[in-house]
Amino acid sequence: MAELLRVQGLRAGYGEAVVLQGVDFTLDQGQTLALLGRNGTGKTTLINTVAGATRQHGGSLEFNVGQRRVDLSRLPSFERAACGIGWVPQERNIFKSLTVHENLTAVARPGPWTPQAVYTLFPRLAERKGNLGTQLSGGEQQMLAVGRALALNPRLLLLDEPLEGLAPIIVEELLRAIDRITRQEGLSAIIVEQHPQAILAISDQAVVLDRGSVVHHSSAQQLQAQPELIEGLLGVKR
């Protein structure tokens, strides 16, 4: 399996404040990585750094584009998106003054993830394609944020707490969609989530951060099979 992303000695943060301290991991094409940790350990900072929304103080971020390896640290966020990185931040950042369909077509790039493919994945959005972003529920806005990232036809999808604050029925719907995107469609993903039991079941790798450093790295299956370790690392029961 070909390597897609290599993170080595990554130090990054906001302004002069360094949050990440020497983070290392690799992600292969078609793999999903569950990024776990207690609140304030650097998970969102890591996602934001890959997307280009923080200040990188050291280390490297290398992303394979075709037959060449690109140093992401030299690229602004819009060029990282052009390289194939789709980002769904915690804030979702949908265009609330545009309709669902306009949100999808405004950013669409050629590839299999057309607006119609997004509607097939999220039938709720198909029913609301003429609604403005302000007229959607929180769950529908999250679906639109994911769908808009997919419309870029990325090679790596970054999801920052996609299940946070959503009703259980919406959580199940999103989990099924993420499972299809990654397992069936083969899209690589890094997923930040507070609920390990939900994400480990659909991931290949697990990385746990604490105080900006990697304190655990294993297969998702290995971590899922050790509830005592999960509780010790995250302070939550499996």
Foldseek 3Di string as FASTA:
>chain_A
DAWFKWWFQWWWAADPDTQAGTATDTDRFLFEEEEEFAPSQCPLVVLCVLLANTQTDDTFMWGDQPPDIDTCNVDHNVVSLVSFEFEQHPVLPFQQAAFLQCSQVVQADDDDLHVVVLCVLPVVCVVRRRPGNVPDDPLVSLSSSVSNSCRSVGQEYEEEASPPPDDPVSSVSVLVSVLCVRVVVSRYYYYYHHDLVSPLVSGQKYFYGGSNYTPDIDTSVVVNVCQVVVCVRHVDGD
